Amino acid sequence: MAAPVFNLLCLPNAGASAMMYLRWRQRLPAWIKLVPVELPGRGRRIGEPCIEDHDALVAQLCHEQAAVMRQPHALFGHSMGALLAFGLARQQRRLGGLPASALFVSGTAAPSRRDDLRFAGTSDAALTADLRRHGGTPAELFDCPELLRMTLDTLRADYQLCRSFRYREEAPLAMPLQLLLGRSDDLGGPERILAWQREAAGAFALHYFEGGHFYLREPQQETALLRAVVQQLGQCRIGIPHASAAAA
C-alpha cells in the first residue's frame, strides 16, 4: 500500500470528541491519513481535565502532534476546532516548523471578528438551549442525564476556552485557506465571515453548503465537503517530492 502524502489533522467543535471524524477514514483516498486530534477531557482522554485557555491548549497540541506536523500535513477544524486549527498554524510558524499545506476552517467567524457574547451563557439551561438551537446533537442525549451532564460540563469548559482567545495582529498565513460554511448558519454578518480572507497570504476560497451550523453531519453535505478537501490537497501535493508515486 502506498504511503500517505498528507496527514490531515482534524479538530472538533465545542463539547465534542475528535471521534466525530472517524467515519472520514473510509471516505478519504489512501494518500490522505486522517489524524483526529483528541482534546483533553473527552473521548480516549476523558480522564484528563479540560484545558480552558486557548493558547495553553494550542501549545500543548503542537507539542503532542510535533512528529505528525514534521511531515506534510493540513489542518481542519469545525467551529471551536477551526479556532484551534488557526492557532496551530500560527504556533507552528512561531516555532519555525513545517507549515501546513492548507488550512480548512469550518463553521466560524474570522478570529479578528469574534463575538464572545455567543459564549456568555454557561448555565445548564443556556448550554442546553444552545445544543438544541444549533442542532446536530442526538435527541437521545437529552433523555440521558449522565450523558447530558458530561456534555454540558465539557461544553462549559470549551466556552471558557473560546472566551479566552485574544486575537493578535500577525502576518497572514502563507498557505491556502478554505472557509467552509452552512448556508443558514448565523455567524453575525458577511463582514465577520469575509475577514478570514485577511488571514491568508495564499489562495482563499469560500464554500457554502446546504444546512446550518452542523451542515457537515448531513451525508450529502459531508460528501461535498470531503470533495473540496481532497481537491485542495490534490493541488497541494504537486509540490511535494515523490507525491505522485505515493498517491498512485
C-alpha atoms as a PDB file:
ATOM      1  CA  MET A   1       0.000   0.000   0.000  1.00  0.00           C
ATOM      2  CA  ALA A   2       1.299   3.467  -0.895  1.00  0.00           C
ATOM      3  CA  ALA A   3       2.380   5.688   1.960  1.00  0.00           C
ATOM      4  CA  PRO A   4       0.112   8.676   2.685  1.00  0.00           C
ATOM      5  CA  VAL A   5       1.219  12.038   1.332  1.00  0.00           C
ATOM      6  CA  PHE A   6      -0.665  14.186   3.842  1.00  0.00           C
ATOM      7  CA  ASN A   7      -1.602  13.942   7.490  1.00  0.00           C
ATOM      8  CA  LEU A   8      -4.983  15.636   7.877  1.00  0.00           C
ATOM      9  CA  LEU A   9      -5.279  16.811  11.488  1.00  0.00           C
ATOM     10  CA  CYS A  10      -8.948  17.322  12.414  1.00  0.00           C
ATOM     11  CA  LEU A  11     -10.066  19.262  15.491  1.00  0.00           C
ATOM     12  CA  PRO A  12     -13.593  19.021  16.956  1.00  0.00           C
ATOM     13  CA  ASN A  13     -16.190  21.631  17.808  1.00  0.00           C
ATOM     14  CA  ALA A  14     -17.020  22.665  21.369  1.00  0.00           C
ATOM     15  CA  GLY A  15     -18.418  19.867  23.508  1.00  0.00           C
ATOM     16  CA  ALA A  16     -17.427  17.179  21.012  1.00  0.00           C
ATOM     17  CA  SER A  17     -14.802  14.482  20.619  1.00  0.00           C
ATOM     18  CA  ALA A  18     -12.493  14.051  17.643  1.00  0.00           C
ATOM     19  CA  MET A  19     -14.239  10.708  17.168  1.00  0.00           C
ATOM     20  CA  MET A  20     -16.754  12.734  15.135  1.00  0.00           C
ATOM     21  CA  TYR A  21     -14.260  12.482  12.257  1.00  0.00           C
ATOM     22  CA  LEU A  22     -13.614   8.729  12.357  1.00  0.00           C
ATOM     23  CA  ARG A  23     -16.111   7.972   9.604  1.00  0.00           C
ATOM     24  CA  TRP A  24     -13.981  10.075   7.229  1.00  0.00           C
ATOM     25  CA  ARG A  25     -11.230   7.458   7.388  1.00  0.00           C
ATOM     26  CA  GLN A  26     -13.089   5.214   4.950  1.00  0.00           C
ATOM     27  CA  ARG A  27     -14.030   8.099   2.688  1.00  0.00           C
ATOM     28  CA  LEU A  28     -10.647   9.702   2.102  1.00  0.00           C
ATOM     29  CA  PRO A  29      -8.167   8.449  -0.512  1.00  0.00           C
ATOM     30  CA  ALA A  30      -5.200   6.401   0.681  1.00  0.00           C
ATOM     31  CA  TRP A  31      -2.800   9.305   0.184  1.00  0.00           C
ATOM     32  CA  ILE A  32      -4.533  11.273   2.968  1.00  0.00           C
ATOM     33  CA  LYS A  33      -4.079   9.957   6.520  1.00  0.00           C
ATOM     34  CA  LEU A  34      -6.799  11.078   8.896  1.00  0.00           C
ATOM     35  CA  VAL A  35      -5.449  12.259  12.277  1.00  0.00           C
ATOM     36  CA  PRO A  36      -8.343  13.012  14.681  1.00  0.00           C
ATOM     37  CA  VAL A  37      -6.843  15.335  17.305  1.00  0.00           C
ATOM     38  CA  GLU A  38      -8.497  14.395  20.596  1.00  0.00           C
ATOM     39  CA  LEU A  39      -8.670  17.136  23.208  1.00  0.00           C
ATOM     40  CA  PRO A  40      -8.236  16.568  26.949  1.00  0.00           C
ATOM     41  CA  GLY A  41     -11.453  15.766  28.783  1.00  0.00           C
ATOM     42  CA  ARG A  42     -13.255  13.738  26.100  1.00  0.00           C
ATOM     43  CA  GLY A  43     -13.074  10.534  24.084  1.00  0.00           C
ATOM     44  CA  ARG A  44      -9.998   8.467  24.905  1.00  0.00           C
ATOM     45  CA  ARG A  45      -8.777  11.398  27.061  1.00  0.00           C
ATOM     46  CA  ILE A  46     -11.889  11.539  29.222  1.00  0.00           C
ATOM     47  CA  GLY A  47      -9.834  11.132  32.410  1.00  0.00           C
ATOM     48  CA  GLU A  48      -7.840  14.306  31.787  1.00  0.00           C
ATOM     49  CA  PRO A  49      -9.074  17.745  32.838  1.00  0.00           C
ATOM     50  CA  CYS A  50     -10.303  20.044  30.094  1.00  0.00           C
ATOM     51  CA  ILE A  51      -7.994  22.933  29.229  1.00  0.00           C
ATOM     52  CA  GLU A  52      -9.871  26.228  29.314  1.00  0.00           C
ATOM     53  CA  ASP A  53      -7.171  28.509  27.875  1.00  0.00           C
ATOM     54  CA  HIS A  54      -6.825  28.702  24.098  1.00  0.00           C
ATOM     55  CA  ASP A  55      -3.108  29.499  23.956  1.00  0.00           C
ATOM     56  CA  ALA A  56      -2.242  26.820  26.519  1.00  0.00           C
ATOM     57  CA  LEU A  57      -4.162  24.163  24.597  1.00  0.00           C
ATOM     58  CA  VAL A  58      -2.609  25.200  21.272  1.00  0.00           C
ATOM     59  CA  ALA A  59       0.889  24.967  22.781  1.00  0.00           C
ATOM     60  CA  GLN A  60       0.134  21.515  24.223  1.00  0.00           C
ATOM     61  CA  LEU A  61      -1.333  20.208  20.972  1.00  0.00           C
ATOM     62  CA  CYS A  62       1.651  21.493  18.979  1.00  0.00           C
ATOM     63  CA  HIS A  63       3.920  19.548  21.326  1.00  0.00           C
ATOM     64  CA  GLU A  64       1.783  16.398  21.177  1.00  0.00           C
ATOM     65  CA  GLN A  65       1.462  16.473  17.388  1.00  0.00           C
ATOM     66  CA  ALA A  66       5.055  17.546  16.678  1.00  0.00           C
ATOM     67  CA  ALA A  67       6.003  14.315  14.894  1.00  0.00           C
ATOM     68  CA  VAL A  68       2.877  14.419  12.727  1.00  0.00           C
ATOM     69  CA  MET A  69       3.432  18.081  11.857  1.00  0.00           C
ATOM     70  CA  ARG A  70       7.035  17.480  10.821  1.00  0.00           C
ATOM     71  CA  GLN A  71       5.561  15.657   7.829  1.00  0.00           C
ATOM     72  CA  PRO A  72       3.399  17.240   5.113  1.00  0.00           C
ATOM     73  CA  HIS A  73       0.084  18.000   6.750  1.00  0.00           C
ATOM     74  CA  ALA A  74      -3.101  20.013   6.580  1.00  0.00           C
ATOM     75  CA  LEU A  75      -5.368  21.315   9.334  1.00  0.00           C
ATOM     76  CA  PHE A  76      -9.156  21.065   9.536  1.00  0.00           C
ATOM     77  CA  GLY A  77     -11.344  22.388  12.324  1.00  0.00           C
ATOM     78  CA  HIS A  78     -15.060  22.947  12.806  1.00  0.00           C
ATOM     79  CA  SER A  79     -16.324  25.850  14.944  1.00  0.00           C
ATOM     80  CA  MET A  80     -14.080  25.897  18.053  1.00  0.00           C
ATOM     81  CA  GLY A  81     -11.883  23.401  16.222  1.00  0.00           C
ATOM     82  CA  ALA A  82     -11.341  25.980  13.470  1.00  0.00           C
ATOM     83  CA  LEU A  83     -10.093  28.462  16.057  1.00  0.00           C
ATOM     84  CA  LEU A  84      -7.681  25.822  17.359  1.00  0.00           C
ATOM     85  CA  ALA A  85      -6.540  24.901  13.838  1.00  0.00           C
ATOM     86  CA  PHE A  86      -5.823  28.571  13.156  1.00  0.00           C
ATOM     87  CA  GLY A  87      -3.871  28.730  16.417  1.00  0.00           C
ATOM     88  CA  LEU A  88      -1.869  25.629  15.500  1.00  0.00           C
ATOM     89  CA  ALA A  89      -0.941  27.100  12.115  1.00  0.00           C
ATOM     90  CA  ARG A  90       0.281  30.304  13.751  1.00  0.00           C
ATOM     91  CA  GLN A  91       2.106  28.491  16.553  1.00  0.00           C
ATOM     92  CA  GLN A  92       3.852  26.219  14.071  1.00  0.00           C
ATOM     93  CA  ARG A  93       5.103  29.314  12.265  1.00  0.00           C
ATOM     94  CA  ARG A  94       6.393  30.856  15.501  1.00  0.00           C
ATOM     95  CA  LEU A  95       8.284  27.636  16.225  1.00  0.00           C
ATOM     96  CA  GLY A  96       9.837  27.614  12.770  1.00  0.00           C
ATOM     97  CA  GLY A  97       8.197  24.311  11.922  1.00  0.00           C
ATOM     98  CA  LEU A  98       6.932  22.952   8.633  1.00  0.00           C
ATOM     99  CA  PRO A  99       3.852  24.991   7.686  1.00  0.00           C
ATOM    100  CA  ALA A 100       0.584  23.290   6.927  1.00  0.00           C
ATOM    101  CA  SER A 101      -0.049  22.750   3.231  1.00  0.00           C
ATOM    102  CA  ALA A 102      -3.618  24.003   3.692  1.00  0.00           C
ATOM    103  CA  LEU A 103      -5.927  25.276   6.422  1.00  0.00           C
ATOM    104  CA  PHE A 104      -9.622  24.353   6.365  1.00  0.00           C
ATOM    105  CA  VAL A 105     -11.823  26.372   8.735  1.00  0.00           C
ATOM    106  CA  SER A 106     -15.474  25.442   9.082  1.00  0.00           C
ATOM    107  CA  GLY A 107     -18.462  26.998  10.795  1.00  0.00           C
ATOM    108  CA  THR A 108     -16.939  30.044  12.464  1.00  0.00           C
ATOM    109  CA  ALA A 109     -16.455  33.773  12.037  1.00  0.00           C
ATOM    110  CA  ALA A 110     -12.977  35.169  11.448  1.00  0.00           C
ATOM    111  CA  PRO A 111     -10.767  35.254  14.560  1.00  0.00           C
ATOM    112  CA  SER A 112     -10.448  39.038  14.297  1.00  0.00           C
ATOM    113  CA  ARG A 113     -14.251  39.440  14.303  1.00  0.00           C
ATOM    114  CA  ARG A 114     -15.350  37.032  17.002  1.00  0.00           C
ATOM    115  CA  ASP A 115     -18.309  37.832  19.237  1.00  0.00           C
ATOM    116  CA  ASP A 116     -17.612  36.497  22.728  1.00  0.00           C
ATOM    117  CA  LEU A 117     -21.213  37.184  23.752  1.00  0.00           C
ATOM    118  CA  ARG A 118     -22.081  33.998  21.867  1.00  0.00           C
ATOM    119  CA  PHE A 119     -20.319  32.115  24.677  1.00  0.00           C
ATOM    120  CA  ALA A 120     -21.605  34.127  27.630  1.00  0.00           C
ATOM    121  CA  GLY A 121     -24.392  31.789  28.717  1.00  0.00           C
ATOM    122  CA  THR A 122     -22.882  28.923  30.708  1.00  0.00           C
ATOM    123  CA  SER A 123     -25.751  27.796  32.942  1.00  0.00           C
ATOM    124  CA  ASP A 124     -27.100  24.314  32.280  1.00  0.00           C
ATOM    125  CA  ALA A 125     -30.254  25.839  30.805  1.00  0.00           C
ATOM    126  CA  ALA A 126     -28.335  28.166  28.477  1.00  0.00           C
ATOM    127  CA  LEU A 127     -25.989  25.434  27.283  1.00  0.00           C
ATOM    128  CA  THR A 128     -28.858  23.012  26.688  1.00  0.00           C
ATOM    129  CA  ALA A 129     -30.673  25.691  24.695  1.00  0.00           C
ATOM    130  CA  ASP A 130     -27.550  26.213  22.577  1.00  0.00           C
ATOM    131  CA  LEU A 131     -27.307  22.488  21.857  1.00  0.00           C
ATOM    132  CA  ARG A 132     -30.921  22.421  20.725  1.00  0.00           C
ATOM    133  CA  ARG A 133     -30.622  25.636  18.697  1.00  0.00           C
ATOM    134  CA  HIS A 134     -27.564  24.563  16.710  1.00  0.00           C
ATOM    135  CA  GLY A 135     -28.894  21.064  16.030  1.00  0.00           C
ATOM    136  CA  GLY A 136     -26.598  18.148  15.344  1.00  0.00           C
ATOM    137  CA  THR A 137     -26.988  16.669  18.853  1.00  0.00           C
ATOM    138  CA  PRO A 138     -28.687  13.240  19.018  1.00  0.00           C
ATOM    139  CA  ALA A 139     -32.117  13.555  20.612  1.00  0.00           C
ATOM    140  CA  GLU A 140     -31.441  10.626  22.944  1.00  0.00           C
ATOM    141  CA  LEU A 141     -28.648  12.573  24.648  1.00  0.00           C
ATOM    142  CA  PHE A 142     -31.209  14.924  26.186  1.00  0.00           C
ATOM    143  CA  ASP A 143     -33.005  11.923  27.701  1.00  0.00           C
ATOM    144  CA  CYS A 144     -29.881  10.532  29.402  1.00  0.00           C
ATOM    145  CA  PRO A 145     -28.937  12.613  32.473  1.00  0.00           C
ATOM    146  CA  GLU A 146     -25.428  11.136  32.735  1.00  0.00           C
ATOM    147  CA  LEU A 147     -24.504  11.808  29.105  1.00  0.00           C
ATOM    148  CA  LEU A 148     -26.096  15.245  29.193  1.00  0.00           C
ATOM    149  CA  ARG A 149     -24.142  16.103  32.350  1.00  0.00           C
ATOM    150  CA  MET A 150     -20.838  15.125  30.719  1.00  0.00           C
ATOM    151  CA  THR A 151     -21.672  17.041  27.552  1.00  0.00           C
ATOM    152  CA  LEU A 152     -22.658  20.208  29.412  1.00  0.00           C
ATOM    153  CA  ASP A 153     -19.529  20.140  31.575  1.00  0.00           C
ATOM    154  CA  THR A 154     -17.313  19.767  28.507  1.00  0.00           C
ATOM    155  CA  LEU A 155     -19.236  22.432  26.611  1.00  0.00           C
ATOM    156  CA  ARG A 156     -18.933  24.842  29.549  1.00  0.00           C
ATOM    157  CA  ALA A 157     -15.145  24.381  29.622  1.00  0.00           C
ATOM    158  CA  ASP A 158     -14.968  24.855  25.861  1.00  0.00           C
ATOM    159  CA  TYR A 159     -16.989  28.068  26.027  1.00  0.00           C
ATOM    160  CA  GLN A 160     -14.462  29.353  28.550  1.00  0.00           C
ATOM    161  CA  LEU A 161     -11.686  28.401  26.129  1.00  0.00           C
ATOM    162  CA  CYS A 162     -13.404  30.363  23.353  1.00  0.00           C
ATOM    163  CA  ARG A 163     -13.749  33.394  25.618  1.00  0.00           C
ATOM    164  CA  SER A 164     -10.050  33.160  26.500  1.00  0.00           C
ATOM    165  CA  PHE A 165      -8.990  33.675  22.868  1.00  0.00           C
ATOM    166  CA  ARG A 166      -7.330  37.017  22.197  1.00  0.00           C
ATOM    167  CA  TYR A 167      -6.658  37.960  18.605  1.00  0.00           C
ATOM    168  CA  ARG A 168      -3.191  39.296  17.808  1.00  0.00           C
ATOM    169  CA  GLU A 169      -2.212  41.033  14.591  1.00  0.00           C
ATOM    170  CA  GLU A 170       0.284  38.864  12.713  1.00  0.00           C
ATOM    171  CA  ALA A 171       1.312  38.374   9.107  1.00  0.00           C
ATOM    172  CA  PRO A 172      -1.140  36.359   7.011  1.00  0.00           C
ATOM    173  CA  LEU A 173      -0.536  32.619   6.829  1.00  0.00           C
ATOM    174  CA  ALA A 174       1.405  31.510   3.749  1.00  0.00           C
ATOM    175  CA  MET A 175      -0.902  28.644   2.825  1.00  0.00           C
ATOM    176  CA  PRO A 176      -4.230  28.137   1.045  1.00  0.00           C
ATOM    177  CA  LEU A 177      -7.154  28.855   3.366  1.00  0.00           C
ATOM    178  CA  GLN A 178     -10.561  27.358   2.668  1.00  0.00           C
ATOM    179  CA  LEU A 179     -13.611  28.620   4.549  1.00  0.00           C
ATOM    180  CA  LEU A 180     -16.493  26.134   4.746  1.00  0.00           C
ATOM    181  CA  LEU A 181     -19.918  27.287   5.938  1.00  0.00           C
ATOM    182  CA  GLY A 182     -23.505  26.143   6.252  1.00  0.00           C
ATOM    183  CA  ARG A 183     -25.673  28.469   4.208  1.00  0.00           C
ATOM    184  CA  SER A 184     -28.151  29.058   7.050  1.00  0.00           C
ATOM    185  CA  ASP A 185     -25.564  29.278   9.861  1.00  0.00           C
ATOM    186  CA  ASP A 186     -25.914  32.650  11.605  1.00  0.00           C
ATOM    187  CA  LEU A 187     -22.362  33.896  12.159  1.00  0.00           C
ATOM    188  CA  GLY A 188     -23.189  37.568  12.565  1.00  0.00           C
ATOM    189  CA  GLY A 189     -22.971  39.005   9.067  1.00  0.00           C
ATOM    190  CA  PRO A 190     -20.737  38.907   5.989  1.00  0.00           C
ATOM    191  CA  GLU A 191     -18.019  41.150   7.427  1.00  0.00           C
ATOM    192  CA  ARG A 192     -17.357  38.615  10.186  1.00  0.00           C
ATOM    193  CA  ILE A 193     -17.015  35.890   7.577  1.00  0.00           C
ATOM    194  CA  LEU A 194     -15.003  37.641   4.879  1.00  0.00           C
ATOM    195  CA  ALA A 195     -12.445  38.896   7.399  1.00  0.00           C
ATOM    196  CA  TRP A 196     -10.979  35.377   7.157  1.00  0.00           C
ATOM    197  CA  GLN A 197      -9.536  36.422   3.807  1.00  0.00           C
ATOM    198  CA  ARG A 198      -7.090  38.754   5.544  1.00  0.00           C
ATOM    199  CA  GLU A 199      -5.545  35.770   7.353  1.00  0.00           C
ATOM    200  CA  ALA A 200      -4.433  34.124   4.102  1.00  0.00           C
ATOM    201  CA  ALA A 201      -1.402  35.093   2.051  1.00  0.00           C
ATOM    202  CA  GLY A 202      -2.090  32.081  -0.160  1.00  0.00           C
ATOM    203  CA  ALA A 203      -5.223  31.265  -2.114  1.00  0.00           C
ATOM    204  CA  PHE A 204      -8.551  31.876  -0.352  1.00  0.00           C
ATOM    205  CA  ALA A 205     -11.799  30.095  -1.174  1.00  0.00           C
ATOM    206  CA  LEU A 206     -15.259  30.247   0.392  1.00  0.00           C
ATOM    207  CA  HIS A 207     -17.571  27.240   0.083  1.00  0.00           C
ATOM    208  CA  TYR A 208     -21.230  27.227   1.124  1.00  0.00           C
ATOM    209  CA  PHE A 209     -23.107  24.023   1.885  1.00  0.00           C
ATOM    210  CA  GLU A 210     -26.808  23.488   2.434  1.00  0.00           C
ATOM    211  CA  GLY A 211     -27.693  23.433   6.114  1.00  0.00           C
ATOM    212  CA  GLY A 212     -26.901  25.173   9.363  1.00  0.00           C
ATOM    213  CA  HIS A 213     -24.055  25.085  11.848  1.00  0.00           C
ATOM    214  CA  PHE A 214     -23.690  21.304  11.638  1.00  0.00           C
ATOM    215  CA  TYR A 215     -24.128  21.002   7.881  1.00  0.00           C
ATOM    216  CA  LEU A 216     -21.190  18.548   7.800  1.00  0.00           C
ATOM    217  CA  ARG A 217     -23.243  15.902   9.622  1.00  0.00           C
ATOM    218  CA  GLU A 218     -25.605  15.599   6.659  1.00  0.00           C
ATOM    219  CA  PRO A 219     -24.375  12.826   4.321  1.00  0.00           C
ATOM    220  CA  GLN A 220     -24.703  14.798   1.083  1.00  0.00           C
ATOM    221  CA  GLN A 221     -23.010  17.873   2.523  1.00  0.00           C
ATOM    222  CA  GLU A 222     -20.270  15.757   4.086  1.00  0.00           C
ATOM    223  CA  THR A 223     -19.579  14.264   0.660  1.00  0.00           C
ATOM    224  CA  ALA A 224     -19.342  17.728  -0.894  1.00  0.00           C
ATOM    225  CA  LEU A 225     -17.098  18.913   1.944  1.00  0.00           C
ATOM    226  CA  LEU A 226     -14.688  15.998   1.574  1.00  0.00           C
ATOM    227  CA  ARG A 227     -14.611  16.554  -2.171  1.00  0.00           C
ATOM    228  CA  ALA A 228     -13.446  20.142  -1.565  1.00  0.00           C
ATOM    229  CA  VAL A 229     -10.783  18.968   0.901  1.00  0.00           C
ATOM    230  CA  VAL A 230      -9.440  16.300  -1.449  1.00  0.00           C
ATOM    231  CA  GLN A 231      -9.420  18.695  -4.394  1.00  0.00           C
ATOM    232  CA  GLN A 232      -7.389  21.275  -2.469  1.00  0.00           C
ATOM    233  CA  LEU A 233      -4.905  18.730  -1.148  1.00  0.00           C
ATOM    234  CA  GLY A 234      -4.608  17.259  -4.615  1.00  0.00           C
ATOM    235  CA  GLN A 235      -3.382  20.658  -5.792  1.00  0.00           C
ATOM    236  CA  CYS A 236      -1.012  20.970  -2.830  1.00  0.00           C
ATOM    237  CA  ARG A 237       0.612  17.572  -3.346  1.00  0.00           C
ATOM    238  CA  ILE A 238       2.038  18.634  -6.718  1.00  0.00           C
ATOM    239  CA  GLY A 239       4.888  20.413  -4.942  1.00  0.00           C
ATOM    240  CA  ILE A 240       5.772  17.511  -2.636  1.00  0.00           C
ATOM    241  CA  PRO A 241       8.657  15.270  -3.767  1.00  0.00           C
ATOM    242  CA  HIS A 242       7.561  11.722  -4.651  1.00  0.00           C
ATOM    243  CA  ALA A 243       3.918  12.668  -4.040  1.00  0.00           C
ATOM    244  CA  SER A 244       2.747  11.370  -7.387  1.00  0.00           C
ATOM    245  CA  ALA A 245       4.198   7.920  -6.730  1.00  0.00           C
ATOM    246  CA  ALA A 246       2.817   7.798  -3.180  1.00  0.00           C
ATOM    247  CA  ALA A 247      -0.629   8.877  -4.284  1.00  0.00           C
ATOM    248  CA  ALA A 248      -0.868   6.488  -7.214  1.00  0.00           C
END
